[in-house]
Amino acid sequence: MARISATAGVVVLGNAYDYVNRTRPRTVRRFAGRRQAQQAREAAEQRLRSIVRAYDAVPSLTFRLLTLEDVCTGGGGWTFTADNEYKVSCTLYVTAYYSAQGDVGDVLDEILNAGDQPGSPIPFRHTTTPLKGAREAGQLVAGGQTLSWDSPHCAIEEPRPCTRQQSDPPVYRCLREPEGMTVATIRQTDDTVLQLGLNPVQYFRISRHGQTLQS
């Protein structure tokens, strides 16, 4: 009984700590709506969209779909999974889908040609990207980008649905451009579907001590 009482006491204290230290939703909304956060949000989104456009400029690729999820959360709490080091954190998630006709090897060669150009945001280059085996594997990874395509071993899946039913900026925003487009529709149009996954960008963060971090 003593052990059970002690455990219950820890839970009660933990819940009290969580209540006191976890960032309130209205505080998250207030920080996420500040001008500094908005400027960081716009800069991060513009940078990610410029990468998406760079692939669209590759002759064999046609841009078909972009998914974007913008999430601001509050930190704190006492559980092992909670991050106690921040008060507010905002992150952008972007994935783009393209279609291509013809041989995948030729398409990849064009992508590497684009990456070879000075200043290109495409990290795949002839000098650093081994294509041997990549064609069958259906994936290239470099520089915070993952390029995947339909292959005998893997087919590109539909985008994951928005984690919330409705957008609620500046705390939560979820876009699909163009709305209603699906991977199945893309696959009916051209021979191959390619997916460009970009590493999440944490563009705005307020530490527990009030320090601001921007990407």
N, C-alpha and C. Protein backbone atom coordinates (compact mmCIF):
# COMPACT_ATOMS: atom_id res chain seq x y z
N MET A 1 0.82 -1.21 0.00
CA MET A 1 0.00 0.00 0.00
C MET A 1 0.86 1.26 0.00
N ALA A 2 1.94 1.21 0.77
CA ALA A 2 2.83 2.38 0.84
C ALA A 2 3.43 2.67 -0.53
N ARG A 3 3.78 1.60 -1.25
CA ARG A 3 4.37 1.78 -2.57
C ARG A 3 3.34 2.37 -3.53
N ILE A 4 2.09 1.89 -3.44
CA ILE A 4 1.03 2.42 -4.30
C ILE A 4 0.78 3.89 -4.00
N SER A 5 0.77 4.25 -2.70
CA SER A 5 0.55 5.64 -2.30
C SER A 5 1.66 6.54 -2.81
N ALA A 6 2.90 6.04 -2.74
CA ALA A 6 4.04 6.82 -3.22
C ALA A 6 3.94 7.05 -4.72
N THR A 7 3.55 6.00 -5.45
CA THR A 7 3.39 6.14 -6.92
C THR A 7 2.29 7.13 -7.25
N ALA A 8 1.19 7.04 -6.53
CA ALA A 8 0.09 7.98 -6.76
C ALA A 8 0.52 9.40 -6.47
N GLY A 9 1.36 9.56 -5.44
CA GLY A 9 1.85 10.90 -5.11
C GLY A 9 2.71 11.48 -6.21
N VAL A 10 3.56 10.62 -6.81
CA VAL A 10 4.40 11.07 -7.93
C VAL A 10 3.54 11.52 -9.11
N VAL A 11 2.49 10.75 -9.39
CA VAL A 11 1.61 11.09 -10.51
C VAL A 11 0.92 12.42 -10.26
N VAL A 12 0.43 12.62 -9.03
CA VAL A 12 -0.24 13.88 -8.70
C VAL A 12 0.71 15.06 -8.83
N LEU A 13 1.93 14.89 -8.28
CA LEU A 13 2.92 15.96 -8.39
C LEU A 13 3.31 16.22 -9.84
N GLY A 14 3.41 15.12 -10.61
CA GLY A 14 3.75 15.27 -12.03
C GLY A 14 2.68 16.02 -12.77
N ASN A 15 1.42 15.70 -12.50
CA ASN A 15 0.32 16.41 -13.16
C ASN A 15 0.30 17.88 -12.77
N ALA A 16 0.60 18.18 -11.51
CA ALA A 16 0.65 19.56 -11.06
C ALA A 16 1.79 20.31 -11.76
N TYR A 17 2.95 19.64 -11.87
CA TYR A 17 4.08 20.25 -12.57
C TYR A 17 3.74 20.52 -14.03
N ASP A 18 3.08 19.54 -14.65
CA ASP A 18 2.69 19.67 -16.04
C ASP A 18 1.75 20.87 -16.22
N TYR A 19 0.81 21.02 -15.31
CA TYR A 19 -0.16 22.12 -15.40
C TYR A 19 0.54 23.47 -15.29
N VAL A 20 1.50 23.56 -14.38
CA VAL A 20 2.17 24.83 -14.13
C VAL A 20 3.14 25.17 -15.25
N ASN A 21 3.85 24.18 -15.80
CA ASN A 21 4.96 24.45 -16.71
C ASN A 21 4.63 24.33 -18.18
N ARG A 22 3.60 23.59 -18.55
CA ARG A 22 3.30 23.45 -19.96
C ARG A 22 2.76 24.76 -20.52
N THR A 23 3.24 25.12 -21.71
CA THR A 23 2.82 26.36 -22.35
C THR A 23 1.34 26.29 -22.71
N ARG A 24 0.59 27.30 -22.33
CA ARG A 24 -0.84 27.34 -22.60
C ARG A 24 -1.11 27.58 -24.08
N PRO A 25 -2.20 27.04 -24.63
CA PRO A 25 -2.53 27.25 -26.04
C PRO A 25 -2.61 28.72 -26.44
N ARG A 26 -3.16 29.57 -25.59
CA ARG A 26 -3.27 30.99 -25.94
C ARG A 26 -1.89 31.64 -26.01
N THR A 27 -0.94 31.13 -25.18
CA THR A 27 0.43 31.66 -25.24
C THR A 27 1.10 31.23 -26.54
N VAL A 28 0.89 29.98 -26.94
CA VAL A 28 1.43 29.50 -28.21
C VAL A 28 0.90 30.37 -29.36
N ARG A 29 -0.39 30.64 -29.35
CA ARG A 29 -1.01 31.45 -30.41
C ARG A 29 -0.43 32.87 -30.42
N ARG A 30 -0.21 33.42 -29.24
CA ARG A 30 0.30 34.79 -29.16
C ARG A 30 1.71 34.87 -29.74
N PHE A 31 2.58 33.92 -29.36
CA PHE A 31 3.95 33.95 -29.89
C PHE A 31 3.98 33.61 -31.37
N ALA A 32 3.17 32.65 -31.80
CA ALA A 32 3.16 32.25 -33.21
C ALA A 32 2.64 33.36 -34.12
N GLY A 33 1.85 34.25 -33.57
CA GLY A 33 1.30 35.34 -34.36
C GLY A 33 2.14 36.60 -34.37
N ARG A 34 3.23 36.60 -33.65
CA ARG A 34 4.09 37.78 -33.62
C ARG A 34 4.75 38.01 -34.99
N ARG A 35 5.10 39.25 -35.22
CA ARG A 35 5.71 39.63 -36.51
C ARG A 35 7.00 38.85 -36.76
N GLN A 36 7.80 38.66 -35.71
CA GLN A 36 9.05 37.94 -35.86
C GLN A 36 8.81 36.50 -36.32
N ALA A 37 7.80 35.87 -35.76
CA ALA A 37 7.46 34.50 -36.16
C ALA A 37 6.94 34.47 -37.59
N GLN A 38 6.11 35.46 -37.95
CA GLN A 38 5.55 35.51 -39.29
C GLN A 38 6.65 35.70 -40.34
N GLN A 39 7.60 36.57 -40.05
CA GLN A 39 8.71 36.79 -40.98
C GLN A 39 9.54 35.52 -41.15
N ALA A 40 9.80 34.82 -40.04
CA ALA A 40 10.57 33.57 -40.12
C ALA A 40 9.79 32.52 -40.88
N ARG A 41 8.47 32.49 -40.68
CA ARG A 41 7.60 31.53 -41.37
C ARG A 41 7.64 31.77 -42.88
N GLU A 42 7.50 33.02 -43.28
CA GLU A 42 7.50 33.36 -44.71
C GLU A 42 8.84 33.05 -45.35
N ALA A 43 9.94 33.35 -44.64
CA ALA A 43 11.27 33.09 -45.19
C ALA A 43 11.51 31.59 -45.35
N ALA A 44 11.12 30.80 -44.36
CA ALA A 44 11.32 29.35 -44.43
C ALA A 44 10.48 28.74 -45.55
N GLU A 45 9.23 29.18 -45.66
CA GLU A 45 8.38 28.64 -46.71
C GLU A 45 8.89 29.01 -48.10
N GLN A 46 9.35 30.25 -48.25
CA GLN A 46 9.89 30.67 -49.54
C GLN A 46 11.11 29.85 -49.92
N ARG A 47 11.96 29.56 -48.93
CA ARG A 47 13.16 28.77 -49.21
C ARG A 47 12.79 27.35 -49.64
N LEU A 48 11.83 26.74 -48.97
CA LEU A 48 11.43 25.38 -49.32
C LEU A 48 10.74 25.34 -50.69
N ARG A 49 9.91 26.35 -50.96
CA ARG A 49 9.24 26.39 -52.26
C ARG A 49 10.23 26.62 -53.39
N SER A 50 11.32 27.32 -53.13
CA SER A 50 12.33 27.54 -54.18
C SER A 50 13.01 26.22 -54.55
N ILE A 51 13.17 25.33 -53.58
CA ILE A 51 13.73 24.01 -53.88
C ILE A 51 12.75 23.21 -54.75
N VAL A 52 11.48 23.28 -54.41
CA VAL A 52 10.45 22.59 -55.20
C VAL A 52 10.46 23.10 -56.64
N ARG A 53 10.59 24.41 -56.82
CA ARG A 53 10.61 24.99 -58.18
C ARG A 53 11.86 24.58 -58.95
N ALA A 54 12.98 24.40 -58.25
CA ALA A 54 14.22 23.99 -58.92
C ALA A 54 14.05 22.64 -59.60
N TYR A 55 13.35 21.72 -58.97
CA TYR A 55 13.10 20.41 -59.59
C TYR A 55 12.11 20.54 -60.74
N ASP A 56 11.18 21.44 -60.62
CA ASP A 56 10.20 21.63 -61.69
C ASP A 56 10.87 22.14 -62.96
N ALA A 57 12.03 22.78 -62.82
CA ALA A 57 12.76 23.30 -63.98
C ALA A 57 13.52 22.20 -64.72
N VAL A 58 13.64 21.02 -64.13
CA VAL A 58 14.27 19.88 -64.81
C VAL A 58 13.37 19.46 -65.97
N PRO A 59 13.91 19.39 -67.20
CA PRO A 59 13.06 19.16 -68.38
C PRO A 59 12.10 17.98 -68.29
N SER A 60 12.53 16.86 -67.75
CA SER A 60 11.68 15.66 -67.74
C SER A 60 10.66 15.64 -66.61
N LEU A 61 10.79 16.57 -65.64
CA LEU A 61 9.89 16.57 -64.49
C LEU A 61 8.76 17.58 -64.67
N THR A 62 7.59 17.20 -64.20
CA THR A 62 6.44 18.09 -64.18
C THR A 62 5.89 18.14 -62.76
N PHE A 63 5.87 19.33 -62.18
CA PHE A 63 5.34 19.46 -60.82
C PHE A 63 3.85 19.16 -60.82
N ARG A 64 3.42 18.35 -59.84
CA ARG A 64 2.01 17.95 -59.77
C ARG A 64 1.33 18.31 -58.46
N LEU A 65 2.05 18.20 -57.34
CA LEU A 65 1.38 18.35 -56.05
C LEU A 65 2.38 18.78 -54.98
N LEU A 66 1.92 19.67 -54.10
CA LEU A 66 2.72 20.08 -52.95
C LEU A 66 1.86 19.96 -51.70
N THR A 67 2.43 19.36 -50.66
CA THR A 67 1.76 19.33 -49.37
C THR A 67 2.59 20.10 -48.37
N LEU A 68 1.93 20.89 -47.55
CA LEU A 68 2.62 21.73 -46.56
C LEU A 68 1.86 21.65 -45.25
N GLU A 69 2.60 21.42 -44.17
CA GLU A 69 2.02 21.43 -42.84
C GLU A 69 2.87 22.34 -41.96
N ASP A 70 2.23 23.30 -41.33
CA ASP A 70 2.90 24.30 -40.50
C ASP A 70 2.33 24.16 -39.09
N VAL A 71 3.19 23.77 -38.14
CA VAL A 71 2.71 23.43 -36.80
C VAL A 71 3.49 24.20 -35.74
N CYS A 72 2.76 24.88 -34.86
CA CYS A 72 3.36 25.53 -33.70
C CYS A 72 2.84 24.85 -32.44
N THR A 73 3.75 24.45 -31.58
CA THR A 73 3.37 23.71 -30.37
C THR A 73 3.99 24.36 -29.14
N GLY A 74 3.41 24.03 -27.99
CA GLY A 74 3.96 24.49 -26.73
C GLY A 74 4.78 23.40 -26.08
N GLY A 75 5.83 23.79 -25.37
CA GLY A 75 6.69 22.82 -24.70
C GLY A 75 6.36 22.73 -23.23
N GLY A 76 7.27 22.10 -22.50
CA GLY A 76 7.07 21.92 -21.07
C GLY A 76 6.50 20.57 -20.74
N GLY A 77 6.02 20.43 -19.54
CA GLY A 77 5.47 19.15 -19.11
C GLY A 77 6.50 18.32 -18.37
N TRP A 78 6.06 17.18 -17.87
CA TRP A 78 6.95 16.36 -17.04
C TRP A 78 7.19 14.97 -17.59
N THR A 79 6.50 14.59 -18.69
CA THR A 79 6.68 13.25 -19.20
C THR A 79 8.02 13.11 -19.90
N PHE A 80 8.45 11.85 -20.06
CA PHE A 80 9.74 11.60 -20.70
C PHE A 80 9.75 12.03 -22.16
N THR A 81 8.58 12.09 -22.80
CA THR A 81 8.53 12.44 -24.22
C THR A 81 8.39 13.93 -24.43
N ALA A 82 8.12 14.70 -23.41
CA ALA A 82 7.94 16.14 -23.56
C ALA A 82 9.29 16.83 -23.64
N ASP A 83 9.34 17.93 -24.39
CA ASP A 83 10.54 18.74 -24.50
C ASP A 83 10.41 19.91 -23.53
N ASN A 84 11.22 19.90 -22.48
CA ASN A 84 11.14 20.94 -21.47
C ASN A 84 12.01 22.14 -21.79
N GLU A 85 12.69 22.11 -22.92
CA GLU A 85 13.66 23.15 -23.23
C GLU A 85 13.06 24.32 -24.01
N TYR A 86 11.83 24.22 -24.45
CA TYR A 86 11.26 25.33 -25.21
C TYR A 86 9.87 25.68 -24.72
N LYS A 87 9.52 26.95 -24.96
CA LYS A 87 8.19 27.44 -24.62
C LYS A 87 7.26 27.30 -25.82
N VAL A 88 7.76 27.69 -27.00
CA VAL A 88 6.99 27.60 -28.23
C VAL A 88 7.92 27.17 -29.35
N SER A 89 7.49 26.28 -30.22
CA SER A 89 8.29 25.83 -31.36
C SER A 89 7.40 25.71 -32.58
N CYS A 90 7.88 26.24 -33.73
CA CYS A 90 7.12 26.19 -34.98
C CYS A 90 7.95 25.49 -36.05
N THR A 91 7.32 24.57 -36.77
CA THR A 91 8.03 23.74 -37.75
C THR A 91 7.23 23.62 -39.04
N LEU A 92 7.93 23.65 -40.18
CA LEU A 92 7.32 23.48 -41.49
C LEU A 92 7.69 22.11 -42.06
N TYR A 93 6.70 21.43 -42.63
CA TYR A 93 6.91 20.15 -43.30
C TYR A 93 6.42 20.30 -44.75
N VAL A 94 7.29 20.03 -45.71
CA VAL A 94 6.94 20.18 -47.12
C VAL A 94 7.34 18.94 -47.91
N THR A 95 6.42 18.46 -48.73
CA THR A 95 6.68 17.34 -49.64
C THR A 95 6.11 17.70 -51.01
N ALA A 96 6.86 17.41 -52.06
CA ALA A 96 6.40 17.71 -53.42
C ALA A 96 6.38 16.44 -54.25
N TYR A 97 5.47 16.41 -55.22
CA TYR A 97 5.31 15.25 -56.10
C TYR A 97 5.40 15.71 -57.55
N TYR A 98 6.08 14.89 -58.35
CA TYR A 98 6.28 15.20 -59.77
C TYR A 98 5.94 13.95 -60.59
N SER A 99 5.74 14.18 -61.88
CA SER A 99 5.58 13.07 -62.80
C SER A 99 6.65 13.17 -63.87
N ALA A 100 6.96 12.04 -64.47
CA ALA A 100 7.98 12.02 -65.53
C ALA A 100 7.64 10.93 -66.52
N GLN A 101 7.96 11.19 -67.77
CA GLN A 101 7.82 10.20 -68.82
C GLN A 101 9.19 9.66 -69.19
N GLY A 102 9.20 8.44 -69.72
CA GLY A 102 10.45 7.87 -70.19
C GLY A 102 11.21 7.13 -69.12
N ASP A 103 12.45 6.82 -69.43
CA ASP A 103 13.29 6.00 -68.56
C ASP A 103 13.72 6.76 -67.31
N VAL A 104 13.62 6.11 -66.15
CA VAL A 104 13.99 6.76 -64.89
C VAL A 104 15.46 7.15 -64.88
N GLY A 105 16.30 6.32 -65.47
CA GLY A 105 17.73 6.64 -65.52
C GLY A 105 17.99 7.95 -66.21
N ASP A 106 17.29 8.22 -67.31
CA ASP A 106 17.45 9.48 -68.03
C ASP A 106 16.97 10.65 -67.18
N VAL A 107 15.88 10.44 -66.45
CA VAL A 107 15.35 11.49 -65.58
C VAL A 107 16.36 11.83 -64.47
N LEU A 108 16.93 10.79 -63.86
CA LEU A 108 17.91 11.01 -62.80
C LEU A 108 19.14 11.74 -63.33
N ASP A 109 19.55 11.42 -64.53
CA ASP A 109 20.70 12.10 -65.13
C ASP A 109 20.41 13.58 -65.31
N GLU A 110 19.20 13.93 -65.70
CA GLU A 110 18.83 15.33 -65.84
C GLU A 110 18.81 16.04 -64.49
N ILE A 111 18.35 15.33 -63.45
CA ILE A 111 18.34 15.91 -62.10
C ILE A 111 19.77 16.18 -61.64
N LEU A 112 20.67 15.25 -61.90
CA LEU A 112 22.07 15.45 -61.53
C LEU A 112 22.70 16.58 -62.34
N ASN A 113 22.31 16.72 -63.59
CA ASN A 113 22.79 17.85 -64.39
C ASN A 113 22.38 19.17 -63.77
N ALA A 114 21.13 19.22 -63.29
CA ALA A 114 20.64 20.44 -62.64
C ALA A 114 21.39 20.70 -61.34
N GLY A 115 21.67 19.62 -60.60
CA GLY A 115 22.42 19.78 -59.36
C GLY A 115 23.86 20.20 -59.57
N ASP A 116 24.41 19.90 -60.75
CA ASP A 116 25.79 20.28 -61.06
C ASP A 116 25.93 21.79 -61.25
N GLN A 117 24.84 22.48 -61.51
CA GLN A 117 24.91 23.91 -61.78
C GLN A 117 25.27 24.68 -60.52
N PRO A 118 26.16 25.68 -60.62
CA PRO A 118 26.55 26.46 -59.44
C PRO A 118 25.34 27.11 -58.77
N GLY A 119 25.28 26.99 -57.46
CA GLY A 119 24.21 27.62 -56.71
C GLY A 119 22.90 26.86 -56.69
N SER A 120 22.86 25.68 -57.31
CA SER A 120 21.62 24.92 -57.36
C SER A 120 21.26 24.39 -55.97
N PRO A 121 19.97 24.47 -55.57
CA PRO A 121 19.55 23.90 -54.29
C PRO A 121 19.38 22.38 -54.34
N ILE A 122 19.59 21.79 -55.53
CA ILE A 122 19.51 20.34 -55.67
C ILE A 122 20.84 19.73 -55.25
N PRO A 123 20.87 18.87 -54.22
CA PRO A 123 22.14 18.38 -53.69
C PRO A 123 22.71 17.16 -54.42
N PHE A 124 21.97 16.65 -55.41
CA PHE A 124 22.41 15.44 -56.13
C PHE A 124 23.25 15.86 -57.33
N ARG A 125 24.49 15.37 -57.36
CA ARG A 125 25.45 15.76 -58.40
C ARG A 125 26.19 14.53 -58.93
N HIS A 126 26.67 14.64 -60.16
CA HIS A 126 27.37 13.51 -60.76
C HIS A 126 28.62 13.13 -59.96
N THR A 127 29.27 14.11 -59.34
CA THR A 127 30.53 13.84 -58.65
C THR A 127 30.33 13.21 -57.27
N THR A 128 29.12 13.33 -56.71
CA THR A 128 28.92 12.86 -55.34
C THR A 128 27.76 11.88 -55.16
N THR A 129 26.95 11.69 -56.20
CA THR A 129 25.76 10.85 -56.07
C THR A 129 25.94 9.54 -56.81
N PRO A 130 26.08 8.43 -56.09
CA PRO A 130 26.22 7.14 -56.75
C PRO A 130 24.87 6.63 -57.24
N LEU A 131 24.74 6.44 -58.54
CA LEU A 131 23.48 5.97 -59.09
C LEU A 131 23.40 4.44 -59.17
N LYS A 132 24.55 3.79 -59.00
CA LYS A 132 24.56 2.33 -59.06
C LYS A 132 23.70 1.76 -57.93
N GLY A 133 22.70 1.03 -58.28
CA GLY A 133 21.81 0.46 -57.30
C GLY A 133 20.67 1.36 -56.87
N ALA A 134 20.83 2.68 -57.09
CA ALA A 134 19.78 3.62 -56.66
C ALA A 134 18.52 3.46 -57.49
N ARG A 135 18.68 3.13 -58.76
CA ARG A 135 17.53 3.00 -59.63
C ARG A 135 16.59 1.90 -59.14
N GLU A 136 17.17 0.78 -58.74
CA GLU A 136 16.35 -0.32 -58.25
C GLU A 136 15.80 -0.03 -56.85
N ALA A 137 16.61 0.65 -56.04
CA ALA A 137 16.18 0.97 -54.68
C ALA A 137 15.08 2.01 -54.68
N GLY A 138 15.10 2.89 -55.68
CA GLY A 138 14.05 3.89 -55.80
C GLY A 138 14.22 5.09 -54.90
N GLN A 139 15.46 5.42 -54.53
CA GLN A 139 15.64 6.53 -53.60
C GLN A 139 17.05 7.09 -53.64
N LEU A 140 17.14 8.43 -53.51
CA LEU A 140 18.40 9.13 -53.31
C LEU A 140 18.24 10.03 -52.09
N VAL A 141 19.30 10.12 -51.28
CA VAL A 141 19.25 10.95 -50.08
C VAL A 141 20.52 11.78 -49.98
N ALA A 142 20.37 13.10 -49.82
CA ALA A 142 21.52 13.99 -49.65
C ALA A 142 21.02 15.37 -49.24
N GLY A 143 21.82 16.06 -48.46
CA GLY A 143 21.56 17.47 -48.17
C GLY A 143 20.20 17.78 -47.60
N GLY A 144 19.66 16.90 -46.77
CA GLY A 144 18.35 17.16 -46.19
C GLY A 144 17.19 16.95 -47.15
N GLN A 145 17.45 16.27 -48.26
CA GLN A 145 16.41 15.98 -49.23
C GLN A 145 16.38 14.49 -49.53
N THR A 146 15.18 13.95 -49.70
CA THR A 146 15.00 12.55 -50.08
C THR A 146 14.17 12.49 -51.34
N LEU A 147 14.76 12.00 -52.42
CA LEU A 147 14.06 11.86 -53.70
C LEU A 147 13.73 10.39 -53.90
N SER A 148 12.44 10.09 -54.01
CA SER A 148 11.98 8.71 -54.20
C SER A 148 11.15 8.64 -55.46
N TRP A 149 11.07 7.45 -56.04
CA TRP A 149 10.28 7.29 -57.25
C TRP A 149 9.73 5.86 -57.31
N ASP A 150 8.72 5.68 -58.15
CA ASP A 150 8.15 4.35 -58.35
C ASP A 150 9.23 3.39 -58.83
N SER A 151 9.30 2.25 -58.18
CA SER A 151 10.27 1.23 -58.57
C SER A 151 9.62 -0.13 -58.37
N PRO A 152 10.26 -1.20 -58.88
CA PRO A 152 9.69 -2.53 -58.69
C PRO A 152 9.52 -2.91 -57.22
N HIS A 153 10.32 -2.30 -56.34
CA HIS A 153 10.28 -2.66 -54.92
C HIS A 153 9.46 -1.68 -54.08
N CYS A 154 9.13 -0.54 -54.65
CA CYS A 154 8.44 0.48 -53.84
C CYS A 154 7.62 1.39 -54.74
N ALA A 155 6.38 1.63 -54.35
CA ALA A 155 5.52 2.57 -55.07
C ALA A 155 5.25 3.77 -54.18
N ILE A 156 5.26 4.96 -54.78
CA ILE A 156 5.00 6.17 -54.01
C ILE A 156 3.57 6.13 -53.47
N GLU A 157 3.42 6.42 -52.19
CA GLU A 157 2.12 6.37 -51.55
C GLU A 157 1.44 7.74 -51.54
N GLU A 158 0.17 7.74 -51.24
CA GLU A 158 -0.58 8.99 -51.14
C GLU A 158 -0.04 9.81 -49.96
N PRO A 159 -0.13 11.14 -50.05
CA PRO A 159 0.31 11.97 -48.91
C PRO A 159 -0.50 11.65 -47.66
N ARG A 160 0.14 11.79 -46.54
CA ARG A 160 -0.59 11.57 -45.29
C ARG A 160 -1.62 12.70 -45.12
N PRO A 161 -2.75 12.41 -44.52
CA PRO A 161 -3.76 13.45 -44.33
C PRO A 161 -3.30 14.48 -43.30
N CYS A 162 -3.93 15.64 -43.31
CA CYS A 162 -3.64 16.66 -42.31
C CYS A 162 -3.89 16.08 -40.92
N THR A 163 -3.05 16.44 -39.97
CA THR A 163 -3.19 15.90 -38.62
C THR A 163 -4.36 16.52 -37.87
N ARG A 164 -4.89 17.62 -38.37
CA ARG A 164 -6.08 18.22 -37.79
C ARG A 164 -7.11 18.44 -38.90
N GLN A 165 -8.36 18.49 -38.52
CA GLN A 165 -9.42 18.59 -39.52
C GLN A 165 -9.45 19.96 -40.19
N GLN A 166 -9.10 21.00 -39.45
CA GLN A 166 -9.20 22.35 -40.00
C GLN A 166 -7.91 23.11 -39.76
N SER A 167 -7.55 23.98 -40.72
CA SER A 167 -6.42 24.88 -40.52
C SER A 167 -6.81 25.94 -39.49
N ASP A 168 -5.83 26.34 -38.70
CA ASP A 168 -6.07 27.31 -37.65
C ASP A 168 -4.82 28.17 -37.49
N PRO A 169 -4.49 28.97 -38.53
CA PRO A 169 -3.27 29.78 -38.45
C PRO A 169 -3.40 30.84 -37.35
N PRO A 170 -2.27 31.23 -36.72
CA PRO A 170 -0.90 30.82 -37.04
C PRO A 170 -0.44 29.55 -36.31
N VAL A 171 -1.33 28.91 -35.56
CA VAL A 171 -0.93 27.73 -34.79
C VAL A 171 -0.82 26.49 -35.66
N TYR A 172 -1.73 26.36 -36.62
CA TYR A 172 -1.72 25.18 -37.48
C TYR A 172 -2.23 25.54 -38.87
N ARG A 173 -1.49 25.07 -39.88
CA ARG A 173 -1.89 25.31 -41.27
C ARG A 173 -1.53 24.07 -42.08
N CYS A 174 -2.45 23.62 -42.91
CA CYS A 174 -2.21 22.45 -43.74
C CYS A 174 -2.73 22.73 -45.15
N LEU A 175 -1.85 22.62 -46.14
CA LEU A 175 -2.20 22.93 -47.52
C LEU A 175 -1.93 21.73 -48.41
N ARG A 176 -2.74 21.61 -49.46
CA ARG A 176 -2.47 20.67 -50.53
C ARG A 176 -2.72 21.43 -51.83
N GLU A 177 -1.66 21.60 -52.63
CA GLU A 177 -1.76 22.40 -53.86
C GLU A 177 -1.35 21.55 -55.06
N PRO A 178 -2.26 21.39 -56.05
CA PRO A 178 -3.65 21.85 -56.04
C PRO A 178 -4.53 20.94 -55.18
N GLU A 179 -5.56 21.51 -54.62
CA GLU A 179 -6.45 20.76 -53.75
C GLU A 179 -7.17 19.68 -54.56
N GLY A 180 -7.24 18.49 -54.00
CA GLY A 180 -7.92 17.39 -54.67
C GLY A 180 -7.02 16.51 -55.50
N MET A 181 -5.77 16.95 -55.76
CA MET A 181 -4.84 16.13 -56.53
C MET A 181 -4.37 14.94 -55.70
N THR A 182 -4.22 13.79 -56.34
CA THR A 182 -3.77 12.58 -55.66
C THR A 182 -2.64 11.93 -56.44
N VAL A 183 -1.92 11.05 -55.78
CA VAL A 183 -0.85 10.30 -56.45
C VAL A 183 -1.44 9.38 -57.51
N ALA A 184 -2.61 8.84 -57.24
CA ALA A 184 -3.26 7.97 -58.22
C ALA A 184 -3.55 8.73 -59.51
N THR A 185 -3.98 9.97 -59.38
CA THR A 185 -4.25 10.79 -60.57
C THR A 185 -2.96 11.08 -61.32
N ILE A 186 -1.90 11.37 -60.59
CA ILE A 186 -0.60 11.64 -61.22
C ILE A 186 -0.13 10.41 -61.98
N ARG A 187 -0.30 9.26 -61.39
CA ARG A 187 0.17 8.01 -62.00
C ARG A 187 -0.57 7.71 -63.30
N GLN A 188 -1.80 8.15 -63.41
CA GLN A 188 -2.57 7.94 -64.63
C GLN A 188 -2.07 8.83 -65.77
N THR A 189 -1.37 9.92 -65.41
CA THR A 189 -0.94 10.90 -66.40
C THR A 189 0.38 10.53 -67.06
N ASP A 190 1.36 10.12 -66.26
CA ASP A 190 2.69 9.83 -66.78
C ASP A 190 3.19 8.49 -66.28
N ASP A 191 4.38 8.12 -66.76
CA ASP A 191 4.92 6.80 -66.46
C ASP A 191 5.34 6.63 -65.01
N THR A 192 5.96 7.68 -64.44
CA THR A 192 6.60 7.56 -63.13
C THR A 192 6.20 8.71 -62.22
N VAL A 193 5.98 8.39 -60.95
CA VAL A 193 5.74 9.40 -59.91
C VAL A 193 7.01 9.53 -59.07
N LEU A 194 7.43 10.76 -58.82
CA LEU A 194 8.58 11.03 -57.97
C LEU A 194 8.14 11.88 -56.79
N GLN A 195 8.69 11.58 -55.64
CA GLN A 195 8.36 12.31 -54.42
C GLN A 195 9.61 12.96 -53.86
N LEU A 196 9.53 14.25 -53.57
CA LEU A 196 10.64 14.98 -52.97
C LEU A 196 10.27 15.31 -51.52
N GLY A 197 10.95 14.67 -50.60
CA GLY A 197 10.73 14.94 -49.18
C GLY A 197 11.83 15.86 -48.66
N LEU A 198 11.45 16.98 -48.06
CA LEU A 198 12.40 17.93 -47.50
C LEU A 198 12.41 17.80 -45.98
N ASN A 199 13.59 17.84 -45.40
CA ASN A 199 13.67 17.75 -43.96
C ASN A 199 12.84 18.85 -43.30
N PRO A 200 12.13 18.54 -42.21
CA PRO A 200 11.37 19.58 -41.52
C PRO A 200 12.26 20.75 -41.12
N VAL A 201 11.71 21.96 -41.20
CA VAL A 201 12.46 23.16 -40.84
C VAL A 201 11.82 23.79 -39.61
N GLN A 202 12.56 23.80 -38.52
CA GLN A 202 12.09 24.49 -37.31
C GLN A 202 12.49 25.96 -37.47
N TYR A 203 11.53 26.77 -37.86
CA TYR A 203 11.85 28.14 -38.25
C TYR A 203 11.72 29.15 -37.12
N PHE A 204 11.08 28.76 -36.02
CA PHE A 204 10.89 29.72 -34.92
C PHE A 204 10.79 28.94 -33.62
N ARG A 205 11.49 29.45 -32.59
CA ARG A 205 11.52 28.74 -31.31
C ARG A 205 11.81 29.72 -30.19
N ILE A 206 11.01 29.66 -29.14
CA ILE A 206 11.24 30.45 -27.94
C ILE A 206 11.64 29.48 -26.83
N SER A 207 12.82 29.67 -26.27
CA SER A 207 13.29 28.79 -25.21
C SER A 207 12.54 29.07 -23.91
N ARG A 208 12.71 28.18 -22.94
CA ARG A 208 12.06 28.38 -21.65
C ARG A 208 12.58 29.65 -20.98
N HIS A 209 13.77 30.10 -21.38
CA HIS A 209 14.36 31.29 -20.79
C HIS A 209 14.11 32.54 -21.64
N GLY A 210 13.27 32.40 -22.66
CA GLY A 210 12.90 33.58 -23.45
C GLY A 210 13.79 33.85 -24.64
N GLN A 211 14.79 33.01 -24.90
CA GLN A 211 15.65 33.23 -26.05
C GLN A 211 14.94 32.81 -27.33
N THR A 212 15.15 33.57 -28.39
CA THR A 212 14.49 33.30 -29.68
C THR A 212 15.47 32.69 -30.65
N LEU A 213 15.03 31.61 -31.29
CA LEU A 213 15.83 30.95 -32.32
C LEU A 213 15.07 30.98 -33.62
N GLN A 214 15.72 31.46 -34.70
CA GLN A 214 15.11 31.45 -36.02
C GLN A 214 16.02 30.70 -36.97
N SER A 215 15.40 30.04 -37.98
CA SER A 215 16.17 29.27 -38.96
C SER A 215 16.92 30.22 -39.88
